[in-house]
Amino acid sequence: MNINEIVDFAQKFDVYGKLLTTKQQKILTSYIDYNGSISEIAESNQISRQAVLDLIKRTKAKLDLFEAKLKILEKQNAFKKELTFTCENLDLTKKQKEKIFEVIEKAGV
């Protein structure tokens, strides 16, 4: 996976991760959040490297399906883009704009 695919995967995991099984969540957390290698993840979960690779592949497909059906991430990104554009075009001070962007980030948008 290239960096853009990894970022996309991580964003989908952030949005839809709670819909996955505990095992899927644990392995993806190790892979995405802690940048664990396939070998490290396999060893710590006492499964084969192939099992880790298969789980990641199947889970990525599941996250892609969730996004294709629900489009939460797409809507969230469109909303953030529109909000950013609107904020940048308001007659506000730099400090006010920074505060708005800070609130947007805290809201997880």
PDB file of N, CA and C in Angstrom:
ATOM      1  N   MET A   1       0.837  -1.181   0.000  1.00  0.00           N
ATOM      2  CA  MET A   1       0.000   0.000   0.000  1.00  0.00           C
ATOM      3  C   MET A   1       0.879   1.240   0.000  1.00  0.00           C
ATOM      4  N   ASN A   2       0.487   2.217  -0.796  1.00  0.00           N
ATOM      5  CA  ASN A   2       1.215   3.478  -0.762  1.00  0.00           C
ATOM      6  C   ASN A   2       0.651   4.355   0.356  1.00  0.00           C
ATOM      7  N   ILE A   3       1.252   5.494   0.590  1.00  0.00           N
ATOM      8  CA  ILE A   3       0.884   6.350   1.721  1.00  0.00           C
ATOM      9  C   ILE A   3      -0.564   6.826   1.629  1.00  0.00           C
ATOM     10  N   ASN A   4      -1.046   7.153   0.429  1.00  0.00           N
ATOM     11  CA  ASN A   4      -2.434   7.608   0.281  1.00  0.00           C
ATOM     12  C   ASN A   4      -3.426   6.499   0.619  1.00  0.00           C
ATOM     13  N   GLU A   5      -3.095   5.277   0.239  1.00  0.00           N
ATOM     14  CA  GLU A   5      -3.954   4.136   0.554  1.00  0.00           C
ATOM     15  C   GLU A   5      -3.974   3.869   2.053  1.00  0.00           C
ATOM     16  N   ILE A   6      -2.825   4.029   2.691  1.00  0.00           N
ATOM     17  CA  ILE A   6      -2.742   3.819   4.135  1.00  0.00           C
ATOM     18  C   ILE A   6      -3.558   4.881   4.872  1.00  0.00           C
ATOM     19  N   VAL A   7      -3.453   6.129   4.439  1.00  0.00           N
ATOM     20  CA  VAL A   7      -4.232   7.210   5.057  1.00  0.00           C
ATOM     21  C   VAL A   7      -5.723   6.949   4.876  1.00  0.00           C
ATOM     22  N   ASP A   8      -6.126   6.550   3.675  1.00  0.00           N
ATOM     23  CA  ASP A   8      -7.528   6.234   3.398  1.00  0.00           C
ATOM     24  C   ASP A   8      -8.006   5.084   4.279  1.00  0.00           C
ATOM     25  N   PHE A   9      -7.193   4.052   4.382  1.00  0.00           N
ATOM     26  CA  PHE A   9      -7.498   2.889   5.217  1.00  0.00           C
ATOM     27  C   PHE A   9      -7.671   3.315   6.672  1.00  0.00           C
ATOM     28  N   ALA A  10      -6.755   4.153   7.164  1.00  0.00           N
ATOM     29  CA  ALA A  10      -6.798   4.611   8.552  1.00  0.00           C
ATOM     30  C   ALA A  10      -8.044   5.461   8.813  1.00  0.00           C
ATOM     31  N   GLN A  11      -8.403   6.314   7.857  1.00  0.00           N
ATOM     32  CA  GLN A  11      -9.598   7.146   8.022  1.00  0.00           C
ATOM     33  C   GLN A  11     -10.853   6.284   8.077  1.00  0.00           C
ATOM     34  N   LYS A  12     -10.932   5.302   7.214  1.00  0.00           N
ATOM     35  CA  LYS A  12     -12.088   4.397   7.230  1.00  0.00           C
ATOM     36  C   LYS A  12     -12.127   3.603   8.524  1.00  0.00           C
ATOM     37  N   PHE A  13     -10.971   3.199   9.018  1.00  0.00           N
ATOM     38  CA  PHE A  13     -10.916   2.473  10.280  1.00  0.00           C
ATOM     39  C   PHE A  13     -11.387   3.364  11.425  1.00  0.00           C
ATOM     40  N   ASP A  14     -11.009   4.640  11.405  1.00  0.00           N
ATOM     41  CA  ASP A  14     -11.464   5.578  12.433  1.00  0.00           C
ATOM     42  C   ASP A  14     -12.992   5.712  12.433  1.00  0.00           C
ATOM     43  N   VAL A  15     -13.579   5.765  11.241  1.00  0.00           N
ATOM     44  CA  VAL A  15     -15.020   5.962  11.117  1.00  0.00           C
ATOM     45  C   VAL A  15     -15.799   4.678  11.393  1.00  0.00           C
ATOM     46  N   TYR A  16     -15.346   3.570  10.832  1.00  0.00           N
ATOM     47  CA  TYR A  16     -16.127   2.327  10.864  1.00  0.00           C
ATOM     48  C   TYR A  16     -15.541   1.231  11.766  1.00  0.00           C
ATOM     49  N   GLY A  17     -14.446   1.513  12.436  1.00  0.00           N
ATOM     50  CA  GLY A  17     -13.756   0.488  13.211  1.00  0.00           C
ATOM     51  C   GLY A  17     -14.612  -0.219  14.242  1.00  0.00           C
ATOM     52  N   LYS A  18     -15.544   0.486  14.851  1.00  0.00           N
ATOM     53  CA  LYS A  18     -16.391  -0.128  15.887  1.00  0.00           C
ATOM     54  C   LYS A  18     -17.349  -1.170  15.303  1.00  0.00           C
ATOM     55  N   LEU A  19     -17.487  -1.213  13.992  1.00  0.00           N
ATOM     56  CA  LEU A  19     -18.341  -2.204  13.347  1.00  0.00           C
ATOM     57  C   LEU A  19     -17.611  -3.522  13.116  1.00  0.00           C
ATOM     58  N   LEU A  20     -16.321  -3.539  13.392  1.00  0.00           N
ATOM     59  CA  LEU A  20     -15.506  -4.734  13.186  1.00  0.00           C
ATOM     60  C   LEU A  20     -15.477  -5.580  14.454  1.00  0.00           C
ATOM     61  N   THR A  21     -15.031  -6.821  14.299  1.00  0.00           N
ATOM     62  CA  THR A  21     -14.889  -7.689  15.465  1.00  0.00           C
ATOM     63  C   THR A  21     -13.735  -7.192  16.336  1.00  0.00           C
ATOM     64  N   THR A  22     -13.707  -7.658  17.561  1.00  0.00           N
ATOM     65  CA  THR A  22     -12.641  -7.282  18.484  1.00  0.00           C
ATOM     66  C   THR A  22     -11.276  -7.683  17.932  1.00  0.00           C
ATOM     67  N   LYS A  23     -11.194  -8.874  17.348  1.00  0.00           N
ATOM     68  CA  LYS A  23      -9.929  -9.351  16.782  1.00  0.00           C
ATOM     69  C   LYS A  23      -9.490  -8.453  15.617  1.00  0.00           C
ATOM     70  N   GLN A  24     -10.419  -8.111  14.742  1.00  0.00           N
ATOM     71  CA  GLN A  24     -10.089  -7.231  13.616  1.00  0.00           C
ATOM     72  C   GLN A  24      -9.613  -5.871  14.134  1.00  0.00           C
ATOM     73  N   GLN A  25     -10.312  -5.344  15.123  1.00  0.00           N
ATOM     74  CA  GLN A  25      -9.921  -4.051  15.695  1.00  0.00           C
ATOM     75  C   GLN A  25      -8.514  -4.107  16.289  1.00  0.00           C
ATOM     76  N   LYS A  26      -8.238  -5.178  17.022  1.00  0.00           N
ATOM     77  CA  LYS A  26      -6.932  -5.324  17.675  1.00  0.00           C
ATOM     78  C   LYS A  26      -5.806  -5.382  16.647  1.00  0.00           C
ATOM     79  N   ILE A  27      -5.991  -6.182  15.621  1.00  0.00           N
ATOM     80  CA  ILE A  27      -4.940  -6.335  14.615  1.00  0.00           C
ATOM     81  C   ILE A  27      -4.775  -5.052  13.796  1.00  0.00           C
ATOM     82  N   LEU A  28      -5.870  -4.417  13.418  1.00  0.00           N
ATOM     83  CA  LEU A  28      -5.753  -3.173  12.654  1.00  0.00           C
ATOM     84  C   LEU A  28      -5.170  -2.047  13.495  1.00  0.00           C
ATOM     85  N   THR A  29      -5.476  -2.026  14.775  1.00  0.00           N
ATOM     86  CA  THR A  29      -4.872  -1.024  15.652  1.00  0.00           C
ATOM     87  C   THR A  29      -3.363  -1.212  15.681  1.00  0.00           C
ATOM     88  N   SER A  30      -2.921  -2.456  15.800  1.00  0.00           N
ATOM     89  CA  SER A  30      -1.479  -2.742  15.782  1.00  0.00           C
ATOM     90  C   SER A  30      -0.857  -2.325  14.450  1.00  0.00           C
ATOM     91  N   TYR A  31      -1.558  -2.604  13.372  1.00  0.00           N
ATOM     92  CA  TYR A  31      -1.043  -2.336  12.026  1.00  0.00           C
ATOM     93  C   TYR A  31      -1.048  -0.844  11.696  1.00  0.00           C
ATOM     94  N   ILE A  32      -2.162  -0.172  11.969  1.00  0.00           N
ATOM     95  CA  ILE A  32      -2.315   1.230  11.571  1.00  0.00           C
ATOM     96  C   ILE A  32      -1.771   2.191  12.620  1.00  0.00           C
ATOM     97  N   ASP A  33      -2.254   2.075  13.854  1.00  0.00           N
ATOM     98  CA  ASP A  33      -1.904   3.049  14.887  1.00  0.00           C
ATOM     99  C   ASP A  33      -0.485   2.886  15.416  1.00  0.00           C
ATOM    100  N   TYR A  34      -0.027   1.633  15.500  1.00  0.00           N
ATOM    101  CA  TYR A  34       1.298   1.384  16.063  1.00  0.00           C
ATOM    102  C   TYR A  34       2.328   0.977  15.019  1.00  0.00           C
ATOM    103  N   ASN A  35       1.916   0.987  13.740  1.00  0.00           N
ATOM    104  CA  ASN A  35       2.818   0.698  12.640  1.00  0.00           C
ATOM    105  C   ASN A  35       3.549  -0.637  12.830  1.00  0.00           C
ATOM    106  N   GLY A  36       2.812  -1.619  13.343  1.00  0.00           N
ATOM    107  CA  GLY A  36       3.406  -2.933  13.575  1.00  0.00           C
ATOM    108  C   GLY A  36       3.656  -3.667  12.269  1.00  0.00           C
ATOM    109  N   SER A  37       4.722  -4.430  12.236  1.00  0.00           N
ATOM    110  CA  SER A  37       5.000  -5.235  11.051  1.00  0.00           C
ATOM    111  C   SER A  37       4.104  -6.463  11.063  1.00  0.00           C
ATOM    112  N   ILE A  38       3.945  -7.068   9.914  1.00  0.00           N
ATOM    113  CA  ILE A  38       3.128  -8.279   9.799  1.00  0.00           C
ATOM    114  C   ILE A  38       3.685  -9.370  10.722  1.00  0.00           C
ATOM    115  N   SER A  39       4.991  -9.503  10.751  1.00  0.00           N
ATOM    116  CA  SER A  39       5.636 -10.511  11.607  1.00  0.00           C
ATOM    117  C   SER A  39       5.376 -10.243  13.088  1.00  0.00           C
ATOM    118  N   GLU A  40       5.508  -8.982  13.504  1.00  0.00           N
ATOM    119  CA  GLU A  40       5.269  -8.639  14.909  1.00  0.00           C
ATOM    120  C   GLU A  40       3.822  -8.912  15.308  1.00  0.00           C
ATOM    121  N   ILE A  41       2.901  -8.539  14.441  1.00  0.00           N
ATOM    122  CA  ILE A  41       1.481  -8.738  14.728  1.00  0.00           C
ATOM    123  C   ILE A  41       1.165 -10.228  14.800  1.00  0.00           C
ATOM    124  N   ALA A  42       1.715 -10.982  13.865  1.00  0.00           N
ATOM    125  CA  ALA A  42       1.490 -12.434  13.853  1.00  0.00           C
ATOM    126  C   ALA A  42       2.013 -13.066  15.139  1.00  0.00           C
ATOM    127  N   GLU A  43       3.205 -12.689  15.512  1.00  0.00           N
ATOM    128  CA  GLU A  43       3.815 -13.259  16.714  1.00  0.00           C
ATOM    129  C   GLU A  43       3.026 -12.894  17.971  1.00  0.00           C
ATOM    130  N   SER A  44       2.646 -11.631  18.108  1.00  0.00           N
ATOM    131  CA  SER A  44       1.936 -11.204  19.325  1.00  0.00           C
ATOM    132  C   SER A  44       0.524 -11.786  19.414  1.00  0.00           C
ATOM    133  N   ASN A  45      -0.058 -12.168  18.273  1.00  0.00           N
ATOM    134  CA  ASN A  45      -1.403 -12.756  18.270  1.00  0.00           C
ATOM    135  C   ASN A  45      -1.377 -14.273  18.089  1.00  0.00           C
ATOM    136  N   GLN A  46      -0.170 -14.817  18.011  1.00  0.00           N
ATOM    137  CA  GLN A  46       0.033 -16.258  17.860  1.00  0.00           C
ATOM    138  C   GLN A  46      -0.730 -16.829  16.656  1.00  0.00           C
ATOM    139  N   ILE A  47      -0.584 -16.115  15.542  1.00  0.00           N
ATOM    140  CA  ILE A  47      -1.164 -16.574  14.275  1.00  0.00           C
ATOM    141  C   ILE A  47      -0.093 -16.436  13.200  1.00  0.00           C
ATOM    142  N   SER A  48      -0.353 -16.993  12.035  1.00  0.00           N
ATOM    143  CA  SER A  48       0.633 -16.926  10.958  1.00  0.00           C
ATOM    144  C   SER A  48       0.638 -15.550  10.295  1.00  0.00           C
ATOM    145  N   ARG A  49       1.731 -15.270   9.630  1.00  0.00           N
ATOM    146  CA  ARG A  49       1.834 -14.018   8.863  1.00  0.00           C
ATOM    147  C   ARG A  49       0.738 -13.973   7.805  1.00  0.00           C
ATOM    148  N   GLN A  50       0.476 -15.126   7.171  1.00  0.00           N
ATOM    149  CA  GLN A  50      -0.555 -15.188   6.138  1.00  0.00           C
ATOM    150  C   GLN A  50      -1.930 -14.866   6.721  1.00  0.00           C
ATOM    151  N   ALA A  51      -2.188 -15.326   7.932  1.00  0.00           N
ATOM    152  CA  ALA A  51      -3.469 -15.027   8.585  1.00  0.00           C
ATOM    153  C   ALA A  51      -3.620 -13.527   8.824  1.00  0.00           C
ATOM    154  N   VAL A  52      -2.533 -12.880   9.207  1.00  0.00           N
ATOM    155  CA  VAL A  52      -2.560 -11.422   9.411  1.00  0.00           C
ATOM    156  C   VAL A  52      -2.832 -10.719   8.083  1.00  0.00           C
ATOM    157  N   LEU A  53      -2.104 -11.110   7.045  1.00  0.00           N
ATOM    158  CA  LEU A  53      -2.298 -10.499   5.728  1.00  0.00           C
ATOM    159  C   LEU A  53      -3.722 -10.702   5.223  1.00  0.00           C
ATOM    160  N   ASP A  54      -4.259 -11.903   5.392  1.00  0.00           N
ATOM    161  CA  ASP A  54      -5.630 -12.193   4.966  1.00  0.00           C
ATOM    162  C   ASP A  54      -6.637 -11.349   5.741  1.00  0.00           C
ATOM    163  N   LEU A  55      -6.432 -11.238   7.055  1.00  0.00           N
ATOM    164  CA  LEU A  55      -7.342 -10.444   7.875  1.00  0.00           C
ATOM    165  C   LEU A  55      -7.316  -8.981   7.453  1.00  0.00           C
ATOM    166  N   ILE A  56      -6.136  -8.447   7.217  1.00  0.00           N
ATOM    167  CA  ILE A  56      -6.019  -7.045   6.792  1.00  0.00           C
ATOM    168  C   ILE A  56      -6.711  -6.852   5.446  1.00  0.00           C
ATOM    169  N   LYS A  57      -6.495  -7.761   4.521  1.00  0.00           N
ATOM    170  CA  LYS A  57      -7.098  -7.659   3.194  1.00  0.00           C
ATOM    171  C   LYS A  57      -8.633  -7.735   3.274  1.00  0.00           C
ATOM    172  N   ARG A  58      -9.141  -8.710   4.022  1.00  0.00           N
ATOM    173  CA  ARG A  58     -10.594  -8.858   4.160  1.00  0.00           C
ATOM    174  C   ARG A  58     -11.218  -7.662   4.878  1.00  0.00           C
ATOM    175  N   THR A  59     -10.533  -7.177   5.898  1.00  0.00           N
ATOM    176  CA  THR A  59     -11.049  -6.054   6.668  1.00  0.00           C
ATOM    177  C   THR A  59     -11.023  -4.774   5.847  1.00  0.00           C
ATOM    178  N   LYS A  60      -9.987  -4.596   5.041  1.00  0.00           N
ATOM    179  CA  LYS A  60      -9.936  -3.430   4.157  1.00  0.00           C
ATOM    180  C   LYS A  60     -11.113  -3.460   3.189  1.00  0.00           C
ATOM    181  N   ALA A  61     -11.403  -4.625   2.639  1.00  0.00           N
ATOM    182  CA  ALA A  61     -12.549  -4.759   1.724  1.00  0.00           C
ATOM    183  C   ALA A  61     -13.860  -4.452   2.451  1.00  0.00           C
ATOM    184  N   LYS A  62     -13.955  -4.873   3.703  1.00  0.00           N
ATOM    185  CA  LYS A  62     -15.160  -4.610   4.493  1.00  0.00           C
ATOM    186  C   LYS A  62     -15.312  -3.105   4.756  1.00  0.00           C
ATOM    187  N   LEU A  63     -14.221  -2.441   5.102  1.00  0.00           N
ATOM    188  CA  LEU A  63     -14.267  -0.997   5.335  1.00  0.00           C
ATOM    189  C   LEU A  63     -14.626  -0.249   4.053  1.00  0.00           C
ATOM    190  N   ASP A  64     -14.081  -0.708   2.926  1.00  0.00           N
ATOM    191  CA  ASP A  64     -14.420  -0.102   1.632  1.00  0.00           C
ATOM    192  C   ASP A  64     -15.909  -0.264   1.333  1.00  0.00           C
ATOM    193  N   LEU A  65     -16.465  -1.426   1.665  1.00  0.00           N
ATOM    194  CA  LEU A  65     -17.889  -1.674   1.450  1.00  0.00           C
ATOM    195  C   LEU A  65     -18.739  -0.771   2.341  1.00  0.00           C
ATOM    196  N   PHE A  66     -18.355  -0.631   3.605  1.00  0.00           N
ATOM    197  CA  PHE A  66     -19.087   0.257   4.510  1.00  0.00           C
ATOM    198  C   PHE A  66     -19.129   1.672   3.945  1.00  0.00           C
ATOM    199  N   GLU A  67     -17.972   2.147   3.477  1.00  0.00           N
ATOM    200  CA  GLU A  67     -17.915   3.514   2.933  1.00  0.00           C
ATOM    201  C   GLU A  67     -18.714   3.627   1.643  1.00  0.00           C
ATOM    202  N   ALA A  68     -18.672   2.616   0.795  1.00  0.00           N
ATOM    203  CA  ALA A  68     -19.432   2.639  -0.462  1.00  0.00           C
ATOM    204  C   ALA A  68     -20.932   2.723  -0.187  1.00  0.00           C
ATOM    205  N   LYS A  69     -21.375   2.043   0.857  1.00  0.00           N
ATOM    206  CA  LYS A  69     -22.803   2.025   1.187  1.00  0.00           C
ATOM    207  C   LYS A  69     -23.235   3.244   1.998  1.00  0.00           C
ATOM    208  N   LEU A  70     -22.447   3.622   2.985  1.00  0.00           N
ATOM    209  CA  LEU A  70     -22.863   4.667   3.922  1.00  0.00           C
ATOM    210  C   LEU A  70     -22.330   6.061   3.582  1.00  0.00           C
ATOM    211  N   LYS A  71     -21.175   6.119   2.962  1.00  0.00           N
ATOM    212  CA  LYS A  71     -20.545   7.371   2.528  1.00  0.00           C
ATOM    213  C   LYS A  71     -20.347   8.401   3.650  1.00  0.00           C
ATOM    214  N   ILE A  72     -20.119   7.915   4.857  1.00  0.00           N
ATOM    215  CA  ILE A  72     -19.920   8.825   5.984  1.00  0.00           C
ATOM    216  C   ILE A  72     -18.641   9.634   5.805  1.00  0.00           C
ATOM    217  N   LEU A  73     -17.560   8.986   5.431  1.00  0.00           N
ATOM    218  CA  LEU A  73     -16.282   9.678   5.251  1.00  0.00           C
ATOM    219  C   LEU A  73     -16.370  10.687   4.108  1.00  0.00           C
ATOM    220  N   GLU A  74     -17.013  10.305   3.021  1.00  0.00           N
ATOM    221  CA  GLU A  74     -17.185  11.215   1.882  1.00  0.00           C
ATOM    222  C   GLU A  74     -17.966  12.464   2.307  1.00  0.00           C
ATOM    223  N   LYS A  75     -19.042  12.264   3.039  1.00  0.00           N
ATOM    224  CA  LYS A  75     -19.854  13.389   3.516  1.00  0.00           C
ATOM    225  C   LYS A  75     -19.082  14.253   4.499  1.00  0.00           C
ATOM    226  N   GLN A  76     -18.329  13.597   5.377  1.00  0.00           N
ATOM    227  CA  GLN A  76     -17.528  14.314   6.359  1.00  0.00           C
ATOM    228  C   GLN A  76     -16.473  15.185   5.665  1.00  0.00           C
ATOM    229  N   ASN A  77     -15.801  14.633   4.665  1.00  0.00           N
ATOM    230  CA  ASN A  77     -14.786  15.391   3.938  1.00  0.00           C
ATOM    231  C   ASN A  77     -15.390  16.549   3.154  1.00  0.00           C
ATOM    232  N   ALA A  78     -16.561  16.337   2.555  1.00  0.00           N
ATOM    233  CA  ALA A  78     -17.241  17.412   1.817  1.00  0.00           C
ATOM    234  C   ALA A  78     -17.657  18.532   2.769  1.00  0.00           C
ATOM    235  N   PHE A  79     -18.163  18.143   3.934  1.00  0.00           N
ATOM    236  CA  PHE A  79     -18.569  19.124   4.930  1.00  0.00           C
ATOM    237  C   PHE A  79     -17.370  19.940   5.408  1.00  0.00           C
ATOM    238  N   LYS A  80     -16.269  19.258   5.681  1.00  0.00           N
ATOM    239  CA  LYS A  80     -15.062  19.940   6.142  1.00  0.00           C
ATOM    240  C   LYS A  80     -14.542  20.905   5.068  1.00  0.00           C
ATOM    241  N   LYS A  81     -14.564  20.465   3.824  1.00  0.00           N
ATOM    242  CA  LYS A  81     -14.103  21.318   2.718  1.00  0.00           C
ATOM    243  C   LYS A  81     -14.979  22.570   2.608  1.00  0.00           C
ATOM    244  N   GLU A  82     -16.287  22.382   2.679  1.00  0.00           N
ATOM    245  CA  GLU A  82     -17.216  23.523   2.581  1.00  0.00           C
ATOM    246  C   GLU A  82     -17.053  24.463   3.774  1.00  0.00           C
ATOM    247  N   LEU A  83     -16.920  23.891   4.955  1.00  0.00           N
ATOM    248  CA  LEU A  83     -16.746  24.694   6.160  1.00  0.00           C
ATOM    249  C   LEU A  83     -15.439  25.482   6.111  1.00  0.00           C
ATOM    250  N   THR A  84     -14.387  24.844   5.651  1.00  0.00           N
ATOM    251  CA  THR A  84     -13.089  25.509   5.525  1.00  0.00           C
ATOM    252  C   THR A  84     -13.164  26.656   4.522  1.00  0.00           C
ATOM    253  N   PHE A  85     -13.771  26.396   3.367  1.00  0.00           N
ATOM    254  CA  PHE A  85     -13.918  27.432   2.343  1.00  0.00           C
ATOM    255  C   PHE A  85     -14.702  28.617   2.893  1.00  0.00           C
ATOM    256  N   THR A  86     -15.808  28.342   3.558  1.00  0.00           N
ATOM    257  CA  THR A  86     -16.647  29.402   4.118  1.00  0.00           C
ATOM    258  C   THR A  86     -15.881  30.207   5.149  1.00  0.00           C
ATOM    259  N   CYS A  87     -15.181  29.527   6.033  1.00  0.00           N
ATOM    260  CA  CYS A  87     -14.427  30.198   7.080  1.00  0.00           C
ATOM    261  C   CYS A  87     -13.330  31.087   6.499  1.00  0.00           C
ATOM    262  N   GLU A  88     -12.644  30.576   5.490  1.00  0.00           N
ATOM    263  CA  GLU A  88     -11.557  31.348   4.888  1.00  0.00           C
ATOM    264  C   GLU A  88     -12.058  32.614   4.196  1.00  0.00           C
ATOM    265  N   ASN A  89     -13.315  32.595   3.778  1.00  0.00           N
ATOM    266  CA  ASN A  89     -13.866  33.743   3.062  1.00  0.00           C
ATOM    267  C   ASN A  89     -14.665  34.694   3.947  1.00  0.00           C
ATOM    268  N   LEU A  90     -14.716  34.423   5.224  1.00  0.00           N
ATOM    269  CA  LEU A  90     -15.365  35.342   6.150  1.00  0.00           C
ATOM    270  C   LEU A  90     -14.393  36.456   6.526  1.00  0.00           C
ATOM    271  N   ASP A  91     -14.945  37.577   6.896  1.00  0.00           N
ATOM    272  CA  ASP A  91     -14.122  38.722   7.295  1.00  0.00           C
ATOM    273  C   ASP A  91     -13.784  38.579   8.780  1.00  0.00           C
ATOM    274  N   LEU A  92     -12.839  37.669   9.057  1.00  0.00           N
ATOM    275  CA  LEU A  92     -12.430  37.393  10.423  1.00  0.00           C
ATOM    276  C   LEU A  92     -10.930  37.607  10.562  1.00  0.00           C
ATOM    277  N   THR A  93     -10.502  37.792  11.788  1.00  0.00           N
ATOM    278  CA  THR A  93      -9.070  37.908  12.026  1.00  0.00           C
ATOM    279  C   THR A  93      -8.437  36.522  11.903  1.00  0.00           C
ATOM    280  N   LYS A  94      -7.152  36.517  11.755  1.00  0.00           N
ATOM    281  CA  LYS A  94      -6.433  35.247  11.668  1.00  0.00           C
ATOM    282  C   LYS A  94      -6.656  34.411  12.929  1.00  0.00           C
ATOM    283  N   LYS A  95      -6.652  35.066  14.073  1.00  0.00           N
ATOM    284  CA  LYS A  95      -6.845  34.365  15.345  1.00  0.00           C
ATOM    285  C   LYS A  95      -8.247  33.749  15.414  1.00  0.00           C
ATOM    286  N   GLN A  96      -9.256  34.457  14.943  1.00  0.00           N
ATOM    287  CA  GLN A  96     -10.621  33.926  14.950  1.00  0.00           C
ATOM    288  C   GLN A  96     -10.727  32.705  14.031  1.00  0.00           C
ATOM    289  N   LYS A  97     -10.105  32.805  12.859  1.00  0.00           N
ATOM    290  CA  LYS A  97     -10.123  31.680  11.923  1.00  0.00           C
ATOM    291  C   LYS A  97      -9.411  30.459  12.522  1.00  0.00           C
ATOM    292  N   GLU A  98      -8.272  30.694  13.169  1.00  0.00           N
ATOM    293  CA  GLU A  98      -7.534  29.601  13.803  1.00  0.00           C
ATOM    294  C   GLU A  98      -8.389  28.926  14.871  1.00  0.00           C
ATOM    295  N   LYS A  99      -9.135  29.722  15.631  1.00  0.00           N
ATOM    296  CA  LYS A  99     -10.003  29.172  16.671  1.00  0.00           C
ATOM    297  C   LYS A  99     -11.110  28.316  16.044  1.00  0.00           C
ATOM    298  N   ILE A 100     -11.685  28.769  14.953  1.00  0.00           N
ATOM    299  CA  ILE A 100     -12.723  28.001  14.264  1.00  0.00           C
ATOM    300  C   ILE A 100     -12.149  26.681  13.757  1.00  0.00           C
ATOM    301  N   PHE A 101     -10.970  26.717  13.140  1.00  0.00           N
ATOM    302  CA  PHE A 101     -10.340  25.489  12.643  1.00  0.00           C
ATOM    303  C   PHE A 101     -10.005  24.540  13.788  1.00  0.00           C
ATOM    304  N   GLU A 102      -9.627  25.095  14.925  1.00  0.00           N
ATOM    305  CA  GLU A 102      -9.344  24.270  16.105  1.00  0.00           C
ATOM    306  C   GLU A 102     -10.620  23.544  16.565  1.00  0.00           C
ATOM    307  N   VAL A 103     -11.735  24.262  16.575  1.00  0.00           N
ATOM    308  CA  VAL A 103     -13.018  23.654  16.964  1.00  0.00           C
ATOM    309  C   VAL A 103     -13.427  22.576  15.960  1.00  0.00           C
ATOM    310  N   ILE A 104     -13.205  22.835  14.669  1.00  0.00           N
ATOM    311  CA  ILE A 104     -13.528  21.857  13.626  1.00  0.00           C
ATOM    312  C   ILE A 104     -12.734  20.575  13.864  1.00  0.00           C
ATOM    313  N   GLU A 105     -11.440  20.708  14.147  1.00  0.00           N
ATOM    314  CA  GLU A 105     -10.596  19.535  14.383  1.00  0.00           C
ATOM    315  C   GLU A 105     -11.041  18.777  15.632  1.00  0.00           C
ATOM    316  N   LYS A 106     -11.382  19.500  16.690  1.00  0.00           N
ATOM    317  CA  LYS A 106     -11.839  18.837  17.914  1.00  0.00           C
ATOM    318  C   LYS A 106     -13.145  18.091  17.693  1.00  0.00           C
ATOM    319  N   ALA A 107     -13.980  18.619  16.795  1.00  0.00           N
ATOM    320  CA  ALA A 107     -15.258  17.969  16.499  1.00  0.00           C
ATOM    321  C   ALA A 107     -15.069  16.709  15.663  1.00  0.00           C
ATOM    322  N   GLY A 108     -13.870  16.510  15.163  1.00  0.00           N
ATOM    323  CA  GLY A 108     -13.595  15.313  14.372  1.00  0.00           C
ATOM    324  C   GLY A 108     -14.118  15.402  12.955  1.00  0.00           C
ATOM    325  N   VAL A 109     -14.332  16.602  12.509  1.00  0.00           N
ATOM    326  CA  VAL A 109     -14.846  16.795  11.149  1.00  0.00           C
ATOM    327  C   VAL A 109     -13.697  16.879  10.183  1.00  0.00           C
TER     328      VAL A 109
END
